[in-house]
Amino acid sequence: SDVCSSDLVAVARSVRASKGPPRDDALVARLLGLAAARGNPHAQSELALMHQNGVGVAKDHPRALSLARASAESGEAAGMNTYGYFIREGVGRPANDAEAAVWFRRAADLRNSYGMTNLGRLMWFGRGGLPQDKTGAIALWRRAIWRGENPWAQVFLAEALEKSESIAKDAAEALALFKRAAAQEREPEARSRAANGIARLEAEKR
């Protein structure tokens, strides 16, 4: 049943979030696999990312793409963003920014902070058939931060504030955003990029 598959997802997330002994990623993958097989879109989206990265399960890009697509087509916002991300990066298929933009927009319309952040990134550079709109991108990143403290949105907005790109320079706000992104653990690459931003701004003060 759907209730049972949701329970499996909840247990998988609990195991993954455990602060105790070394995390059992293989167990997380097995639990998500059981729920995904029952059509749970949350499990499909999360297992897709595990297959993409080879975490707890074999790296399998075609499988990752198939799972993400199933989640996205079910109407799951996180799945839409994941599917868009795979399309943008060419995971299991040729990359296509325009198609990725469609899925990011759908996820953003459902208030998914990653969908907002990724759509904003395409708008920032004018990719995917979108006109370049840095002001619009900044607005999306602010929404993504408000909706979910999205660390990538924090980093992108902080960099815009630091460099005064389509927004007035504000080193204090940029530093505060970098520090928030550097304090989180869910996005290590964003944390590292934020730490570099903090170092740059602290150097300016000296």
Protein backbone atom coordinates (compact mmCIF):
# COMPACT_ATOMS: atom_id res chain seq x y z
CA SER A 1 0.00 0.00 0.00
CA ASP A 2 1.01 3.64 -0.31
CA VAL A 3 1.10 3.97 3.48
CA CYS A 4 3.55 1.09 3.67
CA SER A 5 5.80 2.55 0.98
CA SER A 6 5.76 5.91 2.78
CA ASP A 7 6.84 4.14 5.96
CA LEU A 8 9.77 2.61 4.08
CA VAL A 9 10.83 6.06 2.87
CA ALA A 10 10.57 7.43 6.41
CA VAL A 11 12.76 4.62 7.79
CA ALA A 12 15.30 5.12 4.98
CA ARG A 13 15.52 8.84 5.75
CA SER A 14 15.93 8.09 9.45
CA VAL A 15 18.83 5.71 8.75
CA ARG A 16 20.45 8.24 6.43
CA ALA A 17 20.14 11.03 9.02
CA SER A 18 21.55 8.93 11.86
CA LYS A 19 24.42 10.54 13.77
CA GLY A 20 25.46 7.22 15.32
CA PRO A 21 27.65 4.47 13.77
CA PRO A 22 28.72 4.70 10.12
CA ARG A 23 25.64 5.19 7.97
CA ASP A 24 24.42 2.11 6.12
CA ASP A 25 23.84 3.49 2.62
CA ALA A 26 23.15 0.01 1.26
CA LEU A 27 20.27 -0.37 3.73
CA VAL A 28 18.93 3.05 2.73
CA ALA A 29 19.05 2.00 -0.92
CA ARG A 30 17.27 -1.30 -0.20
CA LEU A 31 14.48 0.44 1.70
CA LEU A 32 14.05 3.07 -1.00
CA GLY A 33 14.15 0.33 -3.63
CA LEU A 34 11.26 -1.48 -1.99
CA ALA A 35 9.22 1.73 -1.84
CA ALA A 36 10.18 2.74 -5.39
CA ALA A 37 9.05 -0.66 -6.69
CA ARG A 38 5.64 0.12 -5.21
CA GLY A 39 5.52 3.40 -7.12
CA ASN A 40 6.40 5.80 -4.32
CA PRO A 41 7.58 8.97 -6.11
CA HIS A 42 9.66 10.24 -3.15
CA ALA A 43 11.60 6.97 -3.07
CA GLN A 44 12.02 7.02 -6.85
CA SER A 45 13.53 10.51 -6.74
CA GLU A 46 15.89 9.76 -3.85
CA LEU A 47 16.99 6.38 -5.21
CA ALA A 48 17.64 8.00 -8.60
CA LEU A 49 20.26 10.26 -7.00
CA MET A 50 21.85 7.29 -5.25
CA HIS A 51 22.13 5.43 -8.56
CA GLN A 52 23.58 8.53 -10.20
CA ASN A 53 26.32 8.81 -7.60
CA GLY A 54 26.80 5.12 -6.82
CA VAL A 55 25.99 5.62 -3.13
CA GLY A 56 24.85 2.41 -1.42
CA VAL A 57 24.02 0.95 -4.82
CA ALA A 58 25.74 0.44 -8.16
CA LYS A 59 26.21 3.56 -10.27
CA ASP A 60 23.63 3.16 -13.03
CA HIS A 61 22.74 6.28 -15.01
CA PRO A 62 20.02 4.70 -17.18
CA ARG A 63 18.34 3.36 -14.04
CA ALA A 64 18.73 6.75 -12.33
CA LEU A 65 17.11 8.51 -15.30
CA SER A 66 14.24 6.01 -15.42
CA LEU A 67 13.50 6.44 -11.71
CA ALA A 68 13.68 10.24 -11.90
CA ARG A 69 11.38 10.29 -14.90
CA ALA A 70 8.81 8.09 -13.14
CA SER A 71 8.89 10.39 -10.11
CA ALA A 72 8.60 13.52 -12.25
CA GLU A 73 5.75 12.20 -14.34
CA SER A 74 3.85 11.27 -11.17
CA GLY A 75 3.77 14.96 -10.24
CA GLU A 76 6.41 14.88 -7.48
CA ALA A 77 8.16 18.27 -7.36
CA ALA A 78 11.51 16.91 -6.13
CA GLY A 79 11.37 14.29 -8.89
CA MET A 80 10.73 17.01 -11.48
CA ASN A 81 13.81 18.87 -10.31
CA THR A 82 15.94 15.72 -10.23
CA TYR A 83 14.79 14.76 -13.72
CA GLY A 84 15.54 18.27 -14.96
CA TYR A 85 18.97 18.11 -13.37
CA PHE A 86 19.74 14.79 -15.06
CA ILE A 87 18.61 16.23 -18.41
CA ARG A 88 20.73 19.36 -17.95
CA GLU A 89 23.80 17.31 -16.98
CA GLY A 90 23.30 14.57 -19.57
CA VAL A 91 22.83 11.74 -17.04
CA GLY A 92 21.78 8.63 -18.96
CA ARG A 93 20.93 10.66 -22.08
CA PRO A 94 22.15 13.65 -24.12
CA ALA A 95 22.05 16.97 -22.27
CA ASN A 96 19.32 19.43 -23.21
CA ASP A 97 19.02 22.76 -21.38
CA ALA A 98 15.68 23.67 -22.96
CA GLU A 99 14.03 20.44 -21.83
CA ALA A 100 15.62 20.77 -18.40
CA ALA A 101 14.18 24.28 -18.09
CA VAL A 102 10.65 22.90 -18.59
CA TRP A 103 11.04 20.52 -15.65
CA PHE A 104 12.75 23.08 -13.43
CA ARG A 105 9.88 25.49 -14.05
CA ARG A 106 7.32 22.80 -13.18
CA ALA A 107 9.18 22.05 -9.95
CA ALA A 108 9.48 25.77 -9.17
CA ASP A 109 5.75 26.25 -9.76
CA LEU A 110 5.20 23.61 -7.06
CA ARG A 111 7.45 25.64 -4.71
CA ASN A 112 10.41 23.27 -4.83
CA SER A 113 13.44 25.30 -3.73
CA TYR A 114 15.86 23.35 -5.94
CA GLY A 115 13.61 23.84 -8.96
CA MET A 116 13.60 27.58 -8.26
CA THR A 117 17.38 27.63 -7.81
CA ASN A 118 18.12 25.67 -10.98
CA LEU A 119 15.65 27.63 -13.08
CA GLY A 120 17.26 30.82 -11.78
CA ARG A 121 20.69 29.56 -12.81
CA LEU A 122 19.52 29.00 -16.40
CA MET A 123 17.92 32.47 -16.41
CA TRP A 124 21.14 34.00 -15.05
CA PHE A 125 23.09 32.79 -18.08
CA GLY A 126 20.24 32.91 -20.61
CA ARG A 127 20.41 29.17 -21.26
CA GLY A 128 17.75 26.67 -22.26
CA GLY A 129 16.01 29.03 -24.65
CA LEU A 130 15.35 31.48 -21.81
CA PRO A 131 16.22 35.17 -22.17
CA GLN A 132 18.98 36.28 -19.83
CA ASP A 133 17.24 37.72 -16.77
CA LYS A 134 19.55 38.21 -13.80
CA THR A 135 16.97 40.20 -11.85
CA GLY A 136 14.46 37.38 -12.27
CA ALA A 137 17.08 34.85 -11.20
CA ILE A 138 17.83 36.82 -8.05
CA ALA A 139 14.11 36.92 -7.21
CA LEU A 140 13.90 33.12 -7.61
CA TRP A 141 16.93 32.59 -5.37
CA ARG A 142 15.40 34.76 -2.66
CA ARG A 143 12.22 32.68 -2.87
CA ALA A 144 14.25 29.45 -2.70
CA ILE A 145 16.00 30.68 0.44
CA TRP A 146 12.72 31.68 2.02
CA ARG A 147 11.04 28.40 1.07
CA GLY A 148 13.79 25.99 2.08
CA GLU A 149 17.03 27.69 3.15
CA ASN A 150 18.41 26.37 -0.13
CA PRO A 151 22.22 26.42 0.19
CA TRP A 152 22.88 26.81 -3.53
CA ALA A 153 20.47 29.74 -3.71
CA GLN A 154 22.32 31.26 -0.76
CA VAL A 155 25.65 30.89 -2.56
CA PHE A 156 24.42 32.24 -5.90
CA LEU A 157 22.69 35.23 -4.30
CA ALA A 158 25.72 35.93 -2.10
CA GLU A 159 28.01 35.93 -5.14
CA ALA A 160 25.69 38.37 -6.93
CA LEU A 161 25.70 40.67 -3.88
CA GLU A 162 29.47 40.37 -3.54
CA LYS A 163 30.12 41.25 -7.19
CA SER A 164 27.25 43.75 -7.53
CA GLU A 165 25.74 41.87 -10.50
CA SER A 166 22.21 43.15 -11.24
CA ILE A 167 21.89 44.07 -7.56
CA ALA A 168 23.50 46.66 -5.29
CA LYS A 169 26.68 45.43 -3.64
CA ASP A 170 26.03 44.35 -0.07
CA ALA A 171 29.05 42.66 1.49
CA ALA A 172 27.32 42.23 4.84
CA GLU A 173 24.34 40.33 3.41
CA ALA A 174 26.65 38.33 1.15
CA LEU A 175 28.77 37.30 4.13
CA ALA A 176 25.70 36.30 6.14
CA LEU A 177 24.42 34.14 3.26
CA PHE A 178 27.82 32.52 2.75
CA LYS A 179 27.97 31.68 6.46
CA ARG A 180 24.53 30.04 6.38
CA ALA A 181 25.53 27.95 3.36
CA ALA A 182 28.85 27.03 4.99
CA ALA A 183 27.10 25.83 8.15
CA GLN A 184 24.90 23.22 6.46
CA GLU A 185 25.85 19.63 5.59
CA ARG A 186 23.41 18.49 2.89
CA GLU A 187 25.32 20.16 0.01
CA PRO A 188 29.11 19.75 0.49
CA GLU A 189 30.00 21.53 -2.77
CA ALA A 190 27.89 24.54 -1.83
CA ARG A 191 29.51 24.51 1.63
CA SER A 192 32.99 24.57 0.06
CA ARG A 193 32.06 27.36 -2.36
CA ALA A 194 30.57 29.36 0.51
CA ALA A 195 33.76 28.94 2.54
CA ASN A 196 35.74 30.40 -0.37
CA GLY A 197 33.31 33.32 -0.47
CA ILE A 198 33.78 33.95 3.25
CA ALA A 199 37.56 33.93 2.78
CA ARG A 200 37.32 36.50 -0.04
CA LEU A 201 35.09 38.86 1.94
CA GLU A 202 37.14 38.52 5.12
CA ALA A 203 40.28 39.33 3.10
CA GLU A 204 38.63 42.52 1.82
CA LYS A 205 38.19 43.71 5.40
CA ARG A 206 41.91 43.43 6.16
